[in-house]
Structure formats: structure tokens, C-alpha cells
Amino acid sequence: MNNKKIYIVVIVVLIAIIIGFVYNQWGKNIFHKNKNADNGKNIDTKIFKDDISIGKADAPVTIIEYFSYLCGYCKAFEDEVKPDLIKNYIQTGKVKLILRIFPPYELAEAALCANDQEKFSAYHDYLFANNDKIQKLDDLKTFAKTVGLNESDFNQCLDSQKYKSRAGDWYNQGINDFKKANIASDKQGTPAFFINGEPVLGLIPYEDLAKKIDEKLSP
């Protein structure tokens, strides 16, 4: 086997290890849709001044979403639930959605570098749509070029690990929120939502999410 083939094999193995790690840590608890919903107690959730958010700053309901780009049920939420959430609650000023990305950290860092150029949404959507094509760090740079980002600025941002600390903060805050809500470590996974501090774990159908939101909106 020549050096090139050995390199390809090593890359494939590393990707498999990363995906397996993400699954074991954050994906294995969501194969039954929303089976852990309502697990835990309401908590006071921390808001960062530079959180990525969608919706009015003073919306009466705040949803914090912890997700991974490599999580299948996170993508299902993105494709099947989020469009109606945006249309019926976010665009009407009732809900603010805060997005916090779980590991791999490089994906969070890349999304934040895209946010520097006001292209977070486009890059976010492209990552979800093409997560099966991520094999090396340079792929994230290729994605940036594809969605129209300034290559030089994006590459410098990503290579400098400008947002490594922020990516770590998101993860650590997520783990802290799980702990404060008394959610056992074997039930901590993505996607996870805190709706005005109420934890909801797993892929929640739109109808159930709307019911939760309406409860929070009720006087």
C-alpha cells in the first residue's frame, strides 16, 4: 500500500472515530423521539452577550438549543420543525431562538467565523446539508468559499482558532445546564432545548413544541 492510500485510510478511520464519539456522547439517547422530554427541573439559563440568536431580543419566550452538526435528529429538527417555528413564533415576535453548537469544536469555530462575515445562516445550512462530506479541516474552508465568504478572512479566522474558547464555553454551559436540571449523564444528548428554562430533550415534534410555547405565553 503506497503512502497516499495509507493517508486516505487514516483519514477515514479518524472520521469514523469522531462520528462514533459524537454518537456515544450526544446521539445515543435520541433514537426514540423525545423520549426524555420534560426530564429535569426548570432552571435559570445563562445568556451570553454574543450568543447566536434568531428573533426579537425581547421576545417573551427564549429557547436555547444545543445541537451538533453531526447529529441526525438535530438535522431532522432543522428540516422538519424549525421552519414552522420560525414562521409561527419567531417571525411573529413571540420566540427568540438561541443556537449553541456542541462538538466537534472545529465546526462551531467555523460557523462563528462565518458569522463574522454575517453569513452564519448560509454556512449553518450548508454544514447541515453537507456534514457527510466533512473529512478534513480544509473541507470547512471549501464550504466557506462555496457560500460566498471571503476566503482569506475565513481561513485566517479558522486557522487562528479565534473562537476555540467560545466553542468550549457553549459545551461547558450545556453540561452545566444539564446538571442544574438534574438530567443524568446518560440522558444528556442533542438536540436539547431549554424553553424559558424548561428542559426538553430529543427531537420534539412541532405540535408538541408549539404546545410548550403556548403554555409559556399564557398569562
C-alpha atoms as a PDB file:
ATOM      1  CA  MET A   1       0.000   0.000   0.000  1.00  0.00           C
ATOM      2  CA  ASN A   2       1.520   3.366  -1.044  1.00  0.00           C
ATOM      3  CA  ASN A   3       1.688   6.428   1.184  1.00  0.00           C
ATOM      4  CA  LYS A   4      -1.316   8.069  -0.455  1.00  0.00           C
ATOM      5  CA  LYS A   5      -3.543   5.055   0.213  1.00  0.00           C
ATOM      6  CA  ILE A   6      -2.309   4.847   3.811  1.00  0.00           C
ATOM      7  CA  TYR A   7      -3.171   8.530   4.274  1.00  0.00           C
ATOM      8  CA  ILE A   8      -6.698   8.022   2.952  1.00  0.00           C
ATOM      9  CA  VAL A   9      -7.250   5.024   5.232  1.00  0.00           C
ATOM     10  CA  VAL A  10      -6.063   7.001   8.252  1.00  0.00           C
ATOM     11  CA  ILE A  11      -8.401   9.895   7.427  1.00  0.00           C
ATOM     12  CA  VAL A  12     -11.391   7.553   7.017  1.00  0.00           C
ATOM     13  CA  VAL A  13     -10.622   5.852  10.341  1.00  0.00           C
ATOM     14  CA  LEU A  14     -10.306   9.199  12.128  1.00  0.00           C
ATOM     15  CA  ILE A  15     -13.640  10.395  10.738  1.00  0.00           C
ATOM     16  CA  ALA A  16     -15.284   7.151  11.874  1.00  0.00           C
ATOM     17  CA  ILE A  17     -13.831   7.598  15.360  1.00  0.00           C
ATOM     18  CA  ILE A  18     -15.084  11.199  15.570  1.00  0.00           C
ATOM     19  CA  ILE A  19     -18.588  10.262  14.434  1.00  0.00           C
ATOM     20  CA  GLY A  20     -18.655   7.334  16.849  1.00  0.00           C
ATOM     21  CA  PHE A  21     -17.521   9.562  19.692  1.00  0.00           C
ATOM     22  CA  VAL A  22     -20.174  12.167  18.946  1.00  0.00           C
ATOM     23  CA  TYR A  23     -22.822   9.451  18.745  1.00  0.00           C
ATOM     24  CA  ASN A  24     -21.797   7.881  22.041  1.00  0.00           C
ATOM     25  CA  GLN A  25     -21.672  11.205  23.833  1.00  0.00           C
ATOM     26  CA  TRP A  26     -24.632  13.063  22.380  1.00  0.00           C
ATOM     27  CA  GLY A  27     -26.603  10.964  19.972  1.00  0.00           C
ATOM     28  CA  LYS A  28     -27.376   7.625  21.530  1.00  0.00           C
ATOM     29  CA  ASN A  29     -30.156   8.949  23.758  1.00  0.00           C
ATOM     30  CA  ILE A  30     -32.339  10.298  20.948  1.00  0.00           C
ATOM     31  CA  PHE A  31     -33.176   7.265  18.848  1.00  0.00           C
ATOM     32  CA  HIS A  32     -36.624   7.323  20.431  1.00  0.00           C
ATOM     33  CA  LYS A  33     -38.007  10.704  19.520  1.00  0.00           C
ATOM     34  CA  ASN A  34     -38.274  12.988  22.504  1.00  0.00           C
ATOM     35  CA  LYS A  35     -38.294  10.084  24.944  1.00  0.00           C
ATOM     36  CA  ASN A  36     -36.591  12.259  27.577  1.00  0.00           C
ATOM     37  CA  ALA A  37     -38.912  15.254  27.239  1.00  0.00           C
ATOM     38  CA  ASP A  38     -39.786  17.042  30.465  1.00  0.00           C
ATOM     39  CA  ASN A  39     -36.938  15.300  32.278  1.00  0.00           C
ATOM     40  CA  GLY A  40     -35.491  17.579  34.942  1.00  0.00           C
ATOM     41  CA  LYS A  41     -36.477  20.859  36.580  1.00  0.00           C
ATOM     42  CA  ASN A  42     -36.751  24.395  35.284  1.00  0.00           C
ATOM     43  CA  ILE A  43     -33.527  26.345  35.622  1.00  0.00           C
ATOM     44  CA  ASP A  44     -32.185  29.860  35.227  1.00  0.00           C
ATOM     45  CA  THR A  45     -30.296  29.712  31.949  1.00  0.00           C
ATOM     46  CA  LYS A  46     -27.265  31.874  31.258  1.00  0.00           C
ATOM     47  CA  ILE A  47     -27.355  34.135  28.194  1.00  0.00           C
ATOM     48  CA  PHE A  48     -24.052  35.204  26.620  1.00  0.00           C
ATOM     49  CA  LYS A  49     -23.903  38.711  25.186  1.00  0.00           C
ATOM     50  CA  ASP A  50     -22.564  37.327  21.899  1.00  0.00           C
ATOM     51  CA  ASP A  51     -24.920  34.334  21.619  1.00  0.00           C
ATOM     52  CA  ILE A  52     -26.109  33.497  18.112  1.00  0.00           C
ATOM     53  CA  SER A  53     -29.848  34.147  18.156  1.00  0.00           C
ATOM     54  CA  ILE A  54     -32.850  34.403  15.845  1.00  0.00           C
ATOM     55  CA  GLY A  55     -35.810  36.591  16.758  1.00  0.00           C
ATOM     56  CA  LYS A  56     -36.618  39.700  18.766  1.00  0.00           C
ATOM     57  CA  ALA A  57     -34.328  40.355  21.708  1.00  0.00           C
ATOM     58  CA  ASP A  58     -37.313  40.985  23.991  1.00  0.00           C
ATOM     59  CA  ALA A  59     -39.432  38.016  22.868  1.00  0.00           C
ATOM     60  CA  PRO A  60     -41.410  36.602  25.829  1.00  0.00           C
ATOM     61  CA  VAL A  61     -40.151  33.052  25.209  1.00  0.00           C
ATOM     62  CA  THR A  62     -36.486  32.151  24.861  1.00  0.00           C
ATOM     63  CA  ILE A  63     -35.467  28.747  23.550  1.00  0.00           C
ATOM     64  CA  ILE A  64     -31.856  27.660  23.905  1.00  0.00           C
ATOM     65  CA  GLU A  65     -30.975  24.846  21.515  1.00  0.00           C
ATOM     66  CA  TYR A  66     -27.886  22.671  21.966  1.00  0.00           C
ATOM     67  CA  PHE A  67     -27.088  20.751  18.797  1.00  0.00           C
ATOM     68  CA  SER A  68     -24.341  19.095  16.785  1.00  0.00           C
ATOM     69  CA  TYR A  69     -23.956  19.264  13.026  1.00  0.00           C
ATOM     70  CA  LEU A  70     -23.229  15.516  13.076  1.00  0.00           C
ATOM     71  CA  CYS A  71     -26.465  14.660  14.914  1.00  0.00           C
ATOM     72  CA  GLY A  72     -29.148  13.157  12.669  1.00  0.00           C
ATOM     73  CA  TYR A  73     -32.039  14.218  14.877  1.00  0.00           C
ATOM     74  CA  CYS A  74     -30.633  17.737  15.053  1.00  0.00           C
ATOM     75  CA  LYS A  75     -30.837  17.843  11.260  1.00  0.00           C
ATOM     76  CA  ALA A  76     -34.384  16.471  11.431  1.00  0.00           C
ATOM     77  CA  PHE A  77     -35.345  19.331  13.753  1.00  0.00           C
ATOM     78  CA  GLU A  78     -33.673  21.762  11.367  1.00  0.00           C
ATOM     79  CA  ASP A  79     -35.567  20.391   8.365  1.00  0.00           C
ATOM     80  CA  GLU A  80     -38.932  19.383   9.830  1.00  0.00           C
ATOM     81  CA  VAL A  81     -39.641  21.572  12.863  1.00  0.00           C
ATOM     82  CA  LYS A  82     -37.623  24.774  12.697  1.00  0.00           C
ATOM     83  CA  PRO A  83     -39.299  26.225   9.557  1.00  0.00           C
ATOM     84  CA  ASP A  84     -42.727  26.247  11.259  1.00  0.00           C
ATOM     85  CA  LEU A  85     -41.170  27.511  14.499  1.00  0.00           C
ATOM     86  CA  ILE A  86     -39.680  30.456  12.605  1.00  0.00           C
ATOM     87  CA  LYS A  87     -42.870  31.193  10.667  1.00  0.00           C
ATOM     88  CA  ASN A  88     -45.345  30.961  13.527  1.00  0.00           C
ATOM     89  CA  TYR A  89     -43.392  32.076  16.574  1.00  0.00           C
ATOM     90  CA  ILE A  90     -40.060  33.717  15.740  1.00  0.00           C
ATOM     91  CA  GLN A  91     -41.210  35.988  12.915  1.00  0.00           C
ATOM     92  CA  THR A  92     -44.262  36.973  14.983  1.00  0.00           C
ATOM     93  CA  GLY A  93     -42.037  38.160  17.833  1.00  0.00           C
ATOM     94  CA  LYS A  94     -43.106  35.506  20.327  1.00  0.00           C
ATOM     95  CA  VAL A  95     -39.898  33.442  20.469  1.00  0.00           C
ATOM     96  CA  LYS A  96     -36.173  34.063  20.425  1.00  0.00           C
ATOM     97  CA  LEU A  97     -34.076  31.017  19.493  1.00  0.00           C
ATOM     98  CA  ILE A  98     -30.500  30.849  20.758  1.00  0.00           C
ATOM     99  CA  LEU A  99     -28.203  28.420  18.936  1.00  0.00           C
ATOM    100  CA  ARG A 100     -25.322  26.716  20.748  1.00  0.00           C
ATOM    101  CA  ILE A 101     -23.171  24.231  18.880  1.00  0.00           C
ATOM    102  CA  PHE A 102     -21.790  21.101  20.552  1.00  0.00           C
ATOM    103  CA  PRO A 103     -18.552  19.392  19.412  1.00  0.00           C
ATOM    104  CA  PRO A 104     -16.675  18.786  17.222  1.00  0.00           C
ATOM    105  CA  TYR A 105     -15.369  22.223  18.201  1.00  0.00           C
ATOM    106  CA  GLU A 106     -13.971  22.934  14.733  1.00  0.00           C
ATOM    107  CA  LEU A 107     -17.492  23.075  13.313  1.00  0.00           C
ATOM    108  CA  ALA A 108     -18.576  25.612  15.929  1.00  0.00           C
ATOM    109  CA  GLU A 109     -15.465  27.665  15.265  1.00  0.00           C
ATOM    110  CA  ALA A 110     -16.119  27.614  11.513  1.00  0.00           C
ATOM    111  CA  ALA A 111     -19.736  28.716  11.988  1.00  0.00           C
ATOM    112  CA  LEU A 112     -18.605  31.607  14.172  1.00  0.00           C
ATOM    113  CA  CYS A 113     -16.006  32.630  11.609  1.00  0.00           C
ATOM    114  CA  ALA A 114     -18.814  32.724   9.056  1.00  0.00           C
ATOM    115  CA  ASN A 115     -20.820  34.841  11.487  1.00  0.00           C
ATOM    116  CA  ASP A 116     -18.005  37.415  11.418  1.00  0.00           C
ATOM    117  CA  GLN A 117     -18.927  37.979   7.784  1.00  0.00           C
ATOM    118  CA  GLU A 118     -22.682  37.968   8.512  1.00  0.00           C
ATOM    119  CA  LYS A 119     -23.023  34.622   6.757  1.00  0.00           C
ATOM    120  CA  PHE A 120     -23.845  32.419   9.730  1.00  0.00           C
ATOM    121  CA  SER A 121     -27.216  31.278   8.395  1.00  0.00           C
ATOM    122  CA  ALA A 122     -25.907  30.323   4.954  1.00  0.00           C
ATOM    123  CA  TYR A 123     -22.922  28.476   6.390  1.00  0.00           C
ATOM    124  CA  HIS A 124     -25.028  26.819   9.092  1.00  0.00           C
ATOM    125  CA  ASP A 125     -27.456  25.487   6.474  1.00  0.00           C
ATOM    126  CA  TYR A 126     -24.610  24.271   4.272  1.00  0.00           C
ATOM    127  CA  LEU A 127     -22.911  22.436   7.140  1.00  0.00           C
ATOM    128  CA  PHE A 128     -26.091  20.534   7.948  1.00  0.00           C
ATOM    129  CA  ALA A 129     -26.705  19.720   4.290  1.00  0.00           C
ATOM    130  CA  ASN A 130     -23.145  18.501   3.697  1.00  0.00           C
ATOM    131  CA  ASN A 131     -21.984  17.098   7.031  1.00  0.00           C
ATOM    132  CA  ASP A 132     -21.335  13.720   5.410  1.00  0.00           C
ATOM    133  CA  LYS A 133     -18.709  15.363   3.205  1.00  0.00           C
ATOM    134  CA  ILE A 134     -16.531  16.638   6.048  1.00  0.00           C
ATOM    135  CA  GLN A 135     -13.283  14.676   6.031  1.00  0.00           C
ATOM    136  CA  LYS A 136     -10.665  17.282   6.926  1.00  0.00           C
ATOM    137  CA  LEU A 137     -10.339  20.855   8.131  1.00  0.00           C
ATOM    138  CA  ASP A 138      -9.829  22.155   4.609  1.00  0.00           C
ATOM    139  CA  ASP A 139     -13.342  20.982   3.728  1.00  0.00           C
ATOM    140  CA  LEU A 140     -14.711  23.664   6.059  1.00  0.00           C
ATOM    141  CA  LYS A 141     -12.728  26.235   4.089  1.00  0.00           C
ATOM    142  CA  THR A 142     -14.090  24.901   0.809  1.00  0.00           C
ATOM    143  CA  PHE A 143     -17.609  25.205   2.211  1.00  0.00           C
ATOM    144  CA  ALA A 144     -16.889  28.832   3.099  1.00  0.00           C
ATOM    145  CA  LYS A 145     -15.883  29.582  -0.476  1.00  0.00           C
ATOM    146  CA  THR A 146     -18.998  27.854  -1.776  1.00  0.00           C
ATOM    147  CA  VAL A 147     -21.361  30.028   0.268  1.00  0.00           C
ATOM    148  CA  GLY A 148     -19.594  33.224  -0.772  1.00  0.00           C
ATOM    149  CA  LEU A 149     -17.387  34.023   2.201  1.00  0.00           C
ATOM    150  CA  ASN A 150     -14.124  35.917   1.883  1.00  0.00           C
ATOM    151  CA  GLU A 151     -11.660  33.018   1.776  1.00  0.00           C
ATOM    152  CA  SER A 152      -8.677  34.822   3.221  1.00  0.00           C
ATOM    153  CA  ASP A 153     -10.554  36.249   6.198  1.00  0.00           C
ATOM    154  CA  PHE A 154     -12.349  32.970   6.907  1.00  0.00           C
ATOM    155  CA  ASN A 155      -9.169  30.868   6.693  1.00  0.00           C
ATOM    156  CA  GLN A 156      -7.281  33.237   8.958  1.00  0.00           C
ATOM    157  CA  CYS A 157     -10.111  33.156  11.490  1.00  0.00           C
ATOM    158  CA  LEU A 158     -10.322  29.364  11.476  1.00  0.00           C
ATOM    159  CA  ASP A 159      -6.552  28.724  11.498  1.00  0.00           C
ATOM    160  CA  SER A 160      -6.038  31.120  14.397  1.00  0.00           C
ATOM    161  CA  GLN A 161      -8.646  29.252  16.497  1.00  0.00           C
ATOM    162  CA  LYS A 162     -10.191  32.633  17.249  1.00  0.00           C
ATOM    163  CA  TYR A 163     -13.362  31.039  18.584  1.00  0.00           C
ATOM    164  CA  LYS A 164     -11.985  27.934  20.261  1.00  0.00           C
ATOM    165  CA  SER A 165     -12.730  29.410  23.683  1.00  0.00           C
ATOM    166  CA  ARG A 166     -16.311  30.300  22.729  1.00  0.00           C
ATOM    167  CA  ALA A 167     -16.927  26.786  21.373  1.00  0.00           C
ATOM    168  CA  GLY A 168     -15.705  25.406  24.701  1.00  0.00           C
ATOM    169  CA  ASP A 169     -17.933  27.823  26.611  1.00  0.00           C
ATOM    170  CA  TRP A 170     -21.001  26.572  24.740  1.00  0.00           C
ATOM    171  CA  TYR A 171     -20.194  22.963  25.558  1.00  0.00           C
ATOM    172  CA  ASN A 172     -19.408  23.662  29.206  1.00  0.00           C
ATOM    173  CA  GLN A 173     -22.568  25.730  29.621  1.00  0.00           C
ATOM    174  CA  GLY A 174     -24.609  22.934  28.094  1.00  0.00           C
ATOM    175  CA  ILE A 175     -23.203  20.398  30.527  1.00  0.00           C
ATOM    176  CA  ASN A 176     -23.837  22.819  33.400  1.00  0.00           C
ATOM    177  CA  ASP A 177     -27.433  23.328  32.260  1.00  0.00           C
ATOM    178  CA  PHE A 178     -27.971  19.567  32.135  1.00  0.00           C
ATOM    179  CA  LYS A 179     -26.592  19.236  35.655  1.00  0.00           C
ATOM    180  CA  LYS A 180     -28.669  22.115  37.034  1.00  0.00           C
ATOM    181  CA  ALA A 181     -31.769  20.472  35.566  1.00  0.00           C
ATOM    182  CA  ASN A 182     -30.883  17.184  37.285  1.00  0.00           C
ATOM    183  CA  ILE A 183     -30.547  15.340  33.977  1.00  0.00           C
ATOM    184  CA  ALA A 184     -28.494  12.170  34.361  1.00  0.00           C
ATOM    185  CA  SER A 185     -25.277  11.991  32.335  1.00  0.00           C
ATOM    186  CA  ASP A 186     -26.530   9.014  30.331  1.00  0.00           C
ATOM    187  CA  LYS A 187     -29.535  11.052  29.194  1.00  0.00           C
ATOM    188  CA  GLN A 188     -27.640  14.146  28.135  1.00  0.00           C
ATOM    189  CA  GLY A 189     -27.733  14.436  24.370  1.00  0.00           C
ATOM    190  CA  THR A 190     -28.528  16.552  21.362  1.00  0.00           C
ATOM    191  CA  PRO A 191     -30.764  18.078  20.350  1.00  0.00           C
ATOM    192  CA  ALA A 192     -31.623  19.569  23.714  1.00  0.00           C
ATOM    193  CA  PHE A 193     -33.836  22.585  24.331  1.00  0.00           C
ATOM    194  CA  PHE A 194     -34.399  24.854  27.307  1.00  0.00           C
ATOM    195  CA  ILE A 195     -37.712  26.684  26.860  1.00  0.00           C
ATOM    196  CA  ASN A 196     -37.722  29.555  29.351  1.00  0.00           C
ATOM    197  CA  GLY A 197     -35.568  27.250  31.448  1.00  0.00           C
ATOM    198  CA  GLU A 198     -37.660  24.093  31.000  1.00  0.00           C
ATOM    199  CA  PRO A 199     -35.577  21.212  29.592  1.00  0.00           C
ATOM    200  CA  VAL A 200     -36.880  19.222  26.648  1.00  0.00           C
ATOM    201  CA  LEU A 201     -34.556  16.524  25.321  1.00  0.00           C
ATOM    202  CA  GLY A 202     -34.593  14.870  21.939  1.00  0.00           C
ATOM    203  CA  LEU A 203     -36.411  15.593  18.697  1.00  0.00           C
ATOM    204  CA  ILE A 204     -39.685  17.228  19.659  1.00  0.00           C
ATOM    205  CA  PRO A 205     -42.500  17.241  17.071  1.00  0.00           C
ATOM    206  CA  TYR A 206     -43.666  20.687  16.057  1.00  0.00           C
ATOM    207  CA  GLU A 207     -47.118  20.201  17.600  1.00  0.00           C
ATOM    208  CA  ASP A 208     -45.587  19.377  20.986  1.00  0.00           C
ATOM    209  CA  LEU A 209     -43.151  22.282  20.760  1.00  0.00           C
ATOM    210  CA  ALA A 210     -45.971  24.686  19.894  1.00  0.00           C
ATOM    211  CA  LYS A 211     -47.935  23.451  22.919  1.00  0.00           C
ATOM    212  CA  LYS A 212     -44.934  24.095  25.176  1.00  0.00           C
ATOM    213  CA  ILE A 213     -44.501  27.579  23.784  1.00  0.00           C
ATOM    214  CA  ASP A 214     -48.199  28.413  24.129  1.00  0.00           C
ATOM    215  CA  GLU A 215     -48.039  27.343  27.780  1.00  0.00           C
ATOM    216  CA  LYS A 216     -45.210  29.814  28.345  1.00  0.00           C
ATOM    217  CA  LEU A 217     -47.164  32.557  26.563  1.00  0.00           C
ATOM    218  CA  SER A 218     -50.282  32.014  28.662  1.00  0.00           C
ATOM    219  CA  PRO A 219     -50.804  34.611  31.442  1.00  0.00           C
END
